[in-house]
PDB file of all heavy atoms in Angstrom:
ATOM      1  N   PRO A   1      96.424 101.315  86.903  1.00  0.00           N
ATOM      2  CA  PRO A   1      96.950 101.923  88.132  1.00  0.00           C
ATOM      3  C   PRO A   1      97.912 103.031  87.861  1.00  0.00           C
ATOM      4  O   PRO A   1      98.701 102.922  86.925  1.00  0.00           O
ATOM      5  CB  PRO A   1      97.629 100.758  88.878  1.00  0.00           C
ATOM      6  CG  PRO A   1      98.027  99.768  87.810  1.00  0.00           C
ATOM      7  CD  PRO A   1      97.021 100.006  86.682  1.00  0.00           C
ATOM      8  N   ILE A   2      97.837 104.159  88.620  1.00  0.00           N
ATOM      9  CA  ILE A   2      98.750 105.257  88.486  1.00  0.00           C
ATOM     10  C   ILE A   2      99.307 105.501  89.853  1.00  0.00           C
ATOM     11  O   ILE A   2      98.780 105.536  90.875  1.00  0.00           O
ATOM     12  CB  ILE A   2      97.832 106.478  88.077  1.00  0.00           C
ATOM     13  CG1 ILE A   2      97.203 106.287  86.743  1.00  0.00           C
ATOM     14  CG2 ILE A   2      98.839 107.753  88.050  1.00  0.00           C
ATOM     15  CD1 ILE A   2      96.249 107.383  86.394  1.00  0.00           C
ATOM     16  N   ASP A   3     100.721 105.522  89.810  1.00  0.00           N
ATOM     17  CA  ASP A   3     101.528 105.769  91.041  1.00  0.00           C
ATOM     18  C   ASP A   3     101.255 107.215  91.471  1.00  0.00           C
ATOM     19  O   ASP A   3     101.287 108.202  90.724  1.00  0.00           O
ATOM     20  CB  ASP A   3     102.998 105.572  90.840  1.00  0.00           C
ATOM     21  CG  ASP A   3     103.271 104.177  90.574  1.00  0.00           C
ATOM     22  OD1 ASP A   3     102.658 103.239  91.214  1.00  0.00           O
ATOM     23  OD2 ASP A   3     104.320 103.910  89.832  1.00  0.00           O
ATOM     24  N   VAL A   4     100.899 107.451  92.758  1.00  0.00           N
ATOM     25  CA  VAL A   4     100.606 108.680  93.367  1.00  0.00           C
ATOM     26  C   VAL A   4     101.188 108.869  94.713  1.00  0.00           C
ATOM     27  O   VAL A   4     101.666 107.895  95.317  1.00  0.00           O
ATOM     28  CB  VAL A   4      99.005 108.892  93.492  1.00  0.00           C
ATOM     29  CG1 VAL A   4      98.389 108.928  92.172  1.00  0.00           C
ATOM     30  CG2 VAL A   4      98.436 107.865  94.391  1.00  0.00           C
ATOM     31  N   VAL A   5     101.255 110.126  95.127  1.00  0.00           N
ATOM     32  CA  VAL A   5     101.670 110.406  96.505  1.00  0.00           C
ATOM     33  C   VAL A   5     100.480 111.222  97.066  1.00  0.00           C
ATOM     34  O   VAL A   5     100.034 112.192  96.496  1.00  0.00           O
ATOM     35  CB  VAL A   5     102.942 111.340  96.595  1.00  0.00           C
ATOM     36  CG1 VAL A   5     103.228 111.743  97.968  1.00  0.00           C
ATOM     37  CG2 VAL A   5     104.113 110.563  95.907  1.00  0.00           C
ATOM     38  N   VAL A   6     100.009 110.689  98.279  1.00  0.00           N
ATOM     39  CA  VAL A   6      98.891 111.340  98.959  1.00  0.00           C
ATOM     40  C   VAL A   6      99.481 112.025 100.186  1.00  0.00           C
ATOM     41  O   VAL A   6     100.218 111.438 100.931  1.00  0.00           O
ATOM     42  CB  VAL A   6      97.778 110.349  99.417  1.00  0.00           C
ATOM     43  CG1 VAL A   6      96.751 111.077 100.296  1.00  0.00           C
ATOM     44  CG2 VAL A   6      97.241 109.618  98.171  1.00  0.00           C
ATOM     45  N   GLY A   7      99.258 113.383 100.290  1.00  0.00           N
ATOM     46  CA  GLY A   7      99.699 114.115 101.463  1.00  0.00           C
ATOM     47  C   GLY A   7      98.504 114.483 102.313  1.00  0.00           C
ATOM     48  O   GLY A   7      97.456 114.922 101.838  1.00  0.00           O
ATOM     49  N   ILE A   8      98.629 114.148 103.576  1.00  0.00           N
ATOM     50  CA  ILE A   8      97.564 114.328 104.587  1.00  0.00           C
ATOM     51  C   ILE A   8      97.996 115.131 105.772  1.00  0.00           C
ATOM     52  O   ILE A   8      99.134 114.946 106.285  1.00  0.00           O
ATOM     53  CB  ILE A   8      97.023 112.961 105.061  1.00  0.00           C
ATOM     54  CG1 ILE A   8      96.271 112.323 103.946  1.00  0.00           C
ATOM     55  CG2 ILE A   8      96.116 113.211 106.211  1.00  0.00           C
ATOM     56  CD1 ILE A   8      95.682 110.985 104.314  1.00  0.00           C
ATOM     57  N   ASP A   9      97.238 116.106 106.246  1.00  0.00           N
ATOM     58  CA  ASP A   9      97.410 116.678 107.575  1.00  0.00           C
ATOM     59  C   ASP A   9      95.954 116.762 108.236  1.00  0.00           C
ATOM     60  O   ASP A   9      95.038 116.232 107.622  1.00  0.00           O
ATOM     61  CB  ASP A   9      98.062 118.049 107.569  1.00  0.00           C
ATOM     62  CG  ASP A   9      97.298 119.179 106.922  1.00  0.00           C
ATOM     63  OD1 ASP A   9      96.188 119.005 106.675  1.00  0.00           O
ATOM     64  OD2 ASP A   9      97.985 120.142 106.688  1.00  0.00           O
ATOM     65  N   ALA A  10      95.823 117.408 109.300  1.00  0.00           N
ATOM     66  CA  ALA A  10      94.522 117.360 110.025  1.00  0.00           C
ATOM     67  C   ALA A  10      93.379 118.103 109.199  1.00  0.00           C
ATOM     68  O   ALA A  10      92.243 117.897 109.548  1.00  0.00           O
ATOM     69  CB  ALA A  10      94.739 118.068 111.319  1.00  0.00           C
ATOM     70  N   SER A  11      93.725 118.922 108.250  1.00  0.00           N
ATOM     71  CA  SER A  11      92.637 119.627 107.620  1.00  0.00           C
ATOM     72  C   SER A  11      92.629 119.520 105.993  1.00  0.00           C
ATOM     73  O   SER A  11      91.734 120.044 105.420  1.00  0.00           O
ATOM     74  CB  SER A  11      92.682 121.103 107.951  1.00  0.00           C
ATOM     75  OG  SER A  11      93.973 121.638 107.491  1.00  0.00           O
ATOM     76  N   ARG A  12      93.642 118.885 105.446  1.00  0.00           N
ATOM     77  CA  ARG A  12      93.681 118.817 103.938  1.00  0.00           C
ATOM     78  C   ARG A  12      94.211 117.493 103.544  1.00  0.00           C
ATOM     79  O   ARG A  12      94.850 116.755 104.200  1.00  0.00           O
ATOM     80  CB  ARG A  12      94.762 119.937 103.452  1.00  0.00           C
ATOM     81  CG  ARG A  12      94.320 121.290 103.858  1.00  0.00           C
ATOM     82  CD  ARG A  12      95.001 122.338 102.930  1.00  0.00           C
ATOM     83  NE  ARG A  12      94.507 122.309 101.663  1.00  0.00           N
ATOM     84  CZ  ARG A  12      93.262 122.791 101.135  1.00  0.00           C
ATOM     85  NH1 ARG A  12      92.387 123.179 102.022  1.00  0.00           N
ATOM     86  NH2 ARG A  12      92.958 122.821  99.937  1.00  0.00           N
ATOM     87  N   ILE A  13      93.949 117.306 102.280  1.00  0.00           N
ATOM     88  CA  ILE A  13      94.522 116.033 101.579  1.00  0.00           C
ATOM     89  C   ILE A  13      94.900 116.534 100.156  1.00  0.00           C
ATOM     90  O   ILE A  13      94.268 117.350  99.452  1.00  0.00           O
ATOM     91  CB  ILE A  13      93.504 114.891 101.382  1.00  0.00           C
ATOM     92  CG1 ILE A  13      94.183 113.729 100.801  1.00  0.00           C
ATOM     93  CG2 ILE A  13      92.259 115.302 100.645  1.00  0.00           C
ATOM     94  CD1 ILE A  13      93.370 112.432 100.821  1.00  0.00           C
ATOM     95  N   ARG A  14      96.141 116.163  99.707  1.00  0.00           N
ATOM     96  CA  ARG A  14      96.669 116.493  98.492  1.00  0.00           C
ATOM     97  C   ARG A  14      97.116 115.310  97.758  1.00  0.00           C
ATOM     98  O   ARG A  14      97.672 114.377  98.328  1.00  0.00           O
ATOM     99  CB  ARG A  14      97.959 117.391  98.681  1.00  0.00           C
ATOM    100  CG  ARG A  14      98.525 117.909  97.442  1.00  0.00           C
ATOM    101  CD  ARG A  14      99.779 118.734  97.711  1.00  0.00           C
ATOM    102  NE  ARG A  14     100.599 119.013  96.598  1.00  0.00           N
ATOM    103  CZ  ARG A  14     100.536 120.008  95.813  1.00  0.00           C
ATOM    104  NH1 ARG A  14      99.766 120.912  96.050  1.00  0.00           N
ATOM    105  NH2 ARG A  14     101.301 120.097  94.727  1.00  0.00           N
ATOM    106  N   LEU A  15      96.762 115.194  96.554  1.00  0.00           N
ATOM    107  CA  LEU A  15      97.093 114.093  95.608  1.00  0.00           C
ATOM    108  C   LEU A  15      97.882 114.540  94.468  1.00  0.00           C
ATOM    109  O   LEU A  15      97.508 115.532  93.694  1.00  0.00           O
ATOM    110  CB  LEU A  15      95.671 113.452  95.203  1.00  0.00           C
ATOM    111  CG  LEU A  15      95.711 112.160  94.493  1.00  0.00           C
ATOM    112  CD1 LEU A  15      96.289 111.069  95.329  1.00  0.00           C
ATOM    113  CD2 LEU A  15      94.340 111.799  94.091  1.00  0.00           C
ATOM    114  N   GLU A  16      99.045 113.865  94.262  1.00  0.00           N
ATOM    115  CA  GLU A  16      99.829 114.246  92.969  1.00  0.00           C
ATOM    116  C   GLU A  16     100.526 112.907  92.491  1.00  0.00           C
ATOM    117  O   GLU A  16     100.615 111.953  93.132  1.00  0.00           O
ATOM    118  CB  GLU A  16     100.928 115.240  93.429  1.00  0.00           C
ATOM    119  CG  GLU A  16     101.941 114.811  94.432  1.00  0.00           C
ATOM    120  CD  GLU A  16     102.944 115.986  94.703  1.00  0.00           C
ATOM    121  OE1 GLU A  16     102.550 117.102  94.992  1.00  0.00           O
ATOM    122  OE2 GLU A  16     104.151 115.648  94.669  1.00  0.00           O
ATOM    123  N   SER A  17     100.854 113.123  91.216  1.00  0.00           N
ATOM    124  CA  SER A  17     101.498 112.036  90.459  1.00  0.00           C
ATOM    125  C   SER A  17     102.583 112.620  89.559  1.00  0.00           C
ATOM    126  O   SER A  17     102.328 113.586  88.898  1.00  0.00           O
ATOM    127  CB  SER A  17     100.433 111.294  89.539  1.00  0.00           C
ATOM    128  OG  SER A  17     101.080 110.213  88.878  1.00  0.00           O
ATOM    129  N   ASN A  18     103.802 112.047  89.643  1.00  0.00           N
ATOM    130  CA  ASN A  18     104.916 112.471  88.905  1.00  0.00           C
ATOM    131  C   ASN A  18     105.132 113.981  89.081  1.00  0.00           C
ATOM    132  O   ASN A  18     105.401 114.679  88.022  1.00  0.00           O
ATOM    133  CB  ASN A  18     104.736 112.155  87.379  1.00  0.00           C
ATOM    134  CG  ASN A  18     104.768 110.677  87.159  1.00  0.00           C
ATOM    135  OD1 ASN A  18     105.449 109.837  87.889  1.00  0.00           O
ATOM    136  ND2 ASN A  18     104.008 110.187  86.205  1.00  0.00           N
ATOM    137  N   GLY A  19     104.993 114.517  90.187  1.00  0.00           N
ATOM    138  CA  GLY A  19     105.249 115.859  90.539  1.00  0.00           C
ATOM    139  C   GLY A  19     104.111 116.901  90.096  1.00  0.00           C
ATOM    140  O   GLY A  19     104.131 118.023  90.293  1.00  0.00           O
ATOM    141  N   SER A  20     103.062 116.326  89.505  1.00  0.00           N
ATOM    142  CA  SER A  20     101.850 117.148  89.088  1.00  0.00           C
ATOM    143  C   SER A  20     100.738 116.959  89.987  1.00  0.00           C
ATOM    144  O   SER A  20     100.344 115.841  90.363  1.00  0.00           O
ATOM    145  CB  SER A  20     101.427 116.696  87.647  1.00  0.00           C
ATOM    146  OG  SER A  20     102.370 116.984  86.731  1.00  0.00           O
ATOM    147  N   GLU A  21     100.127 118.055  90.458  1.00  0.00           N
ATOM    148  CA  GLU A  21      98.960 117.973  91.401  1.00  0.00           C
ATOM    149  C   GLU A  21      97.733 117.480  90.676  1.00  0.00           C
ATOM    150  O   GLU A  21      97.325 117.903  89.593  1.00  0.00           O
ATOM    151  CB  GLU A  21      98.692 119.338  91.901  1.00  0.00           C
ATOM    152  CG  GLU A  21      97.531 119.438  92.870  1.00  0.00           C
ATOM    153  CD  GLU A  21      97.330 120.781  93.419  1.00  0.00           C
ATOM    154  OE1 GLU A  21      98.157 121.347  94.101  1.00  0.00           O
ATOM    155  OE2 GLU A  21      96.230 121.277  93.169  1.00  0.00           O
ATOM    156  N   ILE A  22      97.109 116.492  91.283  1.00  0.00           N
ATOM    157  CA  ILE A  22      95.842 115.975  90.840  1.00  0.00           C
ATOM    158  C   ILE A  22      94.746 116.578  91.609  1.00  0.00           C
ATOM    159  O   ILE A  22      93.646 116.913  90.959  1.00  0.00           O
ATOM    160  CB  ILE A  22      95.832 114.373  90.980  1.00  0.00           C
ATOM    161  CG1 ILE A  22      96.891 113.676  90.177  1.00  0.00           C
ATOM    162  CG2 ILE A  22      94.421 113.866  90.705  1.00  0.00           C
ATOM    163  CD1 ILE A  22      96.957 112.273  90.365  1.00  0.00           C
ATOM    164  N   GLY A  23      94.944 116.778  92.846  1.00  0.00           N
ATOM    165  CA  GLY A  23      93.911 117.509  93.618  1.00  0.00           C
ATOM    166  C   GLY A  23      94.404 118.006  94.964  1.00  0.00           C
ATOM    167  O   GLY A  23      95.442 117.450  95.450  1.00  0.00           O
ATOM    168  N   ASP A  24      93.782 118.971  95.515  1.00  0.00           N
ATOM    169  CA  ASP A  24      94.154 119.547  96.770  1.00  0.00           C
ATOM    170  C   ASP A  24      92.781 119.981  97.472  1.00  0.00           C
ATOM    171  O   ASP A  24      92.162 120.847  96.983  1.00  0.00           O
ATOM    172  CB  ASP A  24      95.102 120.754  96.681  1.00  0.00           C
ATOM    173  CG  ASP A  24      95.609 121.184  97.997  1.00  0.00           C
ATOM    174  OD1 ASP A  24      95.208 120.650  99.076  1.00  0.00           O
ATOM    175  OD2 ASP A  24      96.385 122.139  98.004  1.00  0.00           O
ATOM    176  N   TRP A  25      92.402 119.294  98.519  1.00  0.00           N
ATOM    177  CA  TRP A  25      91.041 119.509  99.105  1.00  0.00           C
ATOM    178  C   TRP A  25      91.089 119.670 100.606  1.00  0.00           C
ATOM    179  O   TRP A  25      91.988 119.095 101.227  1.00  0.00           O
ATOM    180  CB  TRP A  25      90.092 118.219  98.794  1.00  0.00           C
ATOM    181  CG  TRP A  25      90.027 117.962  97.377  1.00  0.00           C
ATOM    182  CD1 TRP A  25      89.302 118.536  96.389  1.00  0.00           C
ATOM    183  CD2 TRP A  25      90.695 116.797  96.657  1.00  0.00           C
ATOM    184  NE1 TRP A  25      89.490 117.928  95.185  1.00  0.00           N
ATOM    185  CE2 TRP A  25      90.385 116.851  95.328  1.00  0.00           C
ATOM    186  CE3 TRP A  25      91.552 115.818  97.168  1.00  0.00           C
ATOM    187  CZ2 TRP A  25      90.814 115.945  94.396  1.00  0.00           C
ATOM    188  CZ3 TRP A  25      92.008 114.923  96.234  1.00  0.00           C
ATOM    189  CH2 TRP A  25      91.677 114.997  94.803  1.00  0.00           C
ATOM    190  N   SER A  26      90.188 120.473 101.065  1.00  0.00           N
ATOM    191  CA  SER A  26      89.956 120.557 102.533  1.00  0.00           C
ATOM    192  C   SER A  26      89.097 119.484 103.005  1.00  0.00           C
ATOM    193  O   SER A  26      88.478 118.725 102.238  1.00  0.00           O
ATOM    194  CB  SER A  26      89.375 121.969 102.872  1.00  0.00           C
ATOM    195  OG  SER A  26      88.039 122.027 102.380  1.00  0.00           O
ATOM    196  N   ASN A  27      88.971 119.328 104.319  1.00  0.00           N
ATOM    197  CA  ASN A  27      88.145 118.342 104.937  1.00  0.00           C
ATOM    198  C   ASN A  27      86.664 118.417 104.345  1.00  0.00           C
ATOM    199  O   ASN A  27      85.960 117.426 104.205  1.00  0.00           O
ATOM    200  CB  ASN A  27      88.049 118.475 106.414  1.00  0.00           C
ATOM    201  CG  ASN A  27      89.146 117.764 107.089  1.00  0.00           C
ATOM    202  OD1 ASN A  27      89.885 116.999 106.488  1.00  0.00           O
ATOM    203  ND2 ASN A  27      89.360 118.025 108.335  1.00  0.00           N
ATOM    204  N   GLU A  28      86.126 119.615 104.157  1.00  0.00           N
ATOM    205  CA  GLU A  28      84.809 119.826 103.676  1.00  0.00           C
ATOM    206  C   GLU A  28      84.568 119.373 102.233  1.00  0.00           C
ATOM    207  O   GLU A  28      83.466 119.059 101.828  1.00  0.00           O
ATOM    208  CB  GLU A  28      84.383 121.279 103.827  1.00  0.00           C
ATOM    209  CG  GLU A  28      84.325 121.761 105.232  1.00  0.00           C
ATOM    210  CD  GLU A  28      85.650 122.108 105.878  1.00  0.00           C
ATOM    211  OE1 GLU A  28      86.543 122.588 105.074  1.00  0.00           O
ATOM    212  OE2 GLU A  28      85.860 122.043 107.040  1.00  0.00           O
ATOM    213  N   GLU A  29      85.641 119.260 101.471  1.00  0.00           N
ATOM    214  CA  GLU A  29      85.516 118.973 100.038  1.00  0.00           C
ATOM    215  C   GLU A  29      85.963 117.540  99.764  1.00  0.00           C
ATOM    216  O   GLU A  29      85.742 117.078  98.601  1.00  0.00           O
ATOM    217  CB  GLU A  29      86.505 119.861  99.256  1.00  0.00           C
ATOM    218  CG  GLU A  29      86.263 121.300  99.439  1.00  0.00           C
ATOM    219  CD  GLU A  29      87.431 122.178  98.828  1.00  0.00           C
ATOM    220  OE1 GLU A  29      88.627 121.864  99.096  1.00  0.00           O
ATOM    221  OE2 GLU A  29      87.084 123.028  98.048  1.00  0.00           O
ATOM    222  N   CYS A  30      86.380 116.733 100.698  1.00  0.00           N
ATOM    223  CA  CYS A  30      86.869 115.379 100.442  1.00  0.00           C
ATOM    224  C   CYS A  30      86.510 114.443 101.625  1.00  0.00           C
ATOM    225  O   CYS A  30      86.468 114.831 102.698  1.00  0.00           O
ATOM    226  CB  CYS A  30      88.441 115.521 100.267  1.00  0.00           C
ATOM    227  SG  CYS A  30      89.216 113.918  99.951  1.00  0.00           S
ATOM    228  N   ARG A  31      86.270 113.200 101.153  1.00  0.00           N
ATOM    229  CA  ARG A  31      86.087 112.112 102.197  1.00  0.00           C
ATOM    230  C   ARG A  31      86.950 111.000 101.823  1.00  0.00           C
ATOM    231  O   ARG A  31      87.211 110.767 100.670  1.00  0.00           O
ATOM    232  CB  ARG A  31      84.614 111.716 102.148  1.00  0.00           C
ATOM    233  CG  ARG A  31      83.671 112.722 102.645  1.00  0.00           C
ATOM    234  CD  ARG A  31      82.270 112.222 102.594  1.00  0.00           C
ATOM    235  NE  ARG A  31      81.424 113.358 103.014  1.00  0.00           N
ATOM    236  CZ  ARG A  31      80.264 113.201 103.513  1.00  0.00           C
ATOM    237  NH1 ARG A  31      79.773 112.003 103.752  1.00  0.00           N
ATOM    238  NH2 ARG A  31      79.569 114.257 103.871  1.00  0.00           N
TER     239      ARG A  31
END
């Protein structure tokens, strides 16, 4: 397991761990 922070708004999702970005996707790119 890896501790992460998931950021969500109406059109995007952002995933980061220890201050480093793992991913940043729009609604069309992520489910």
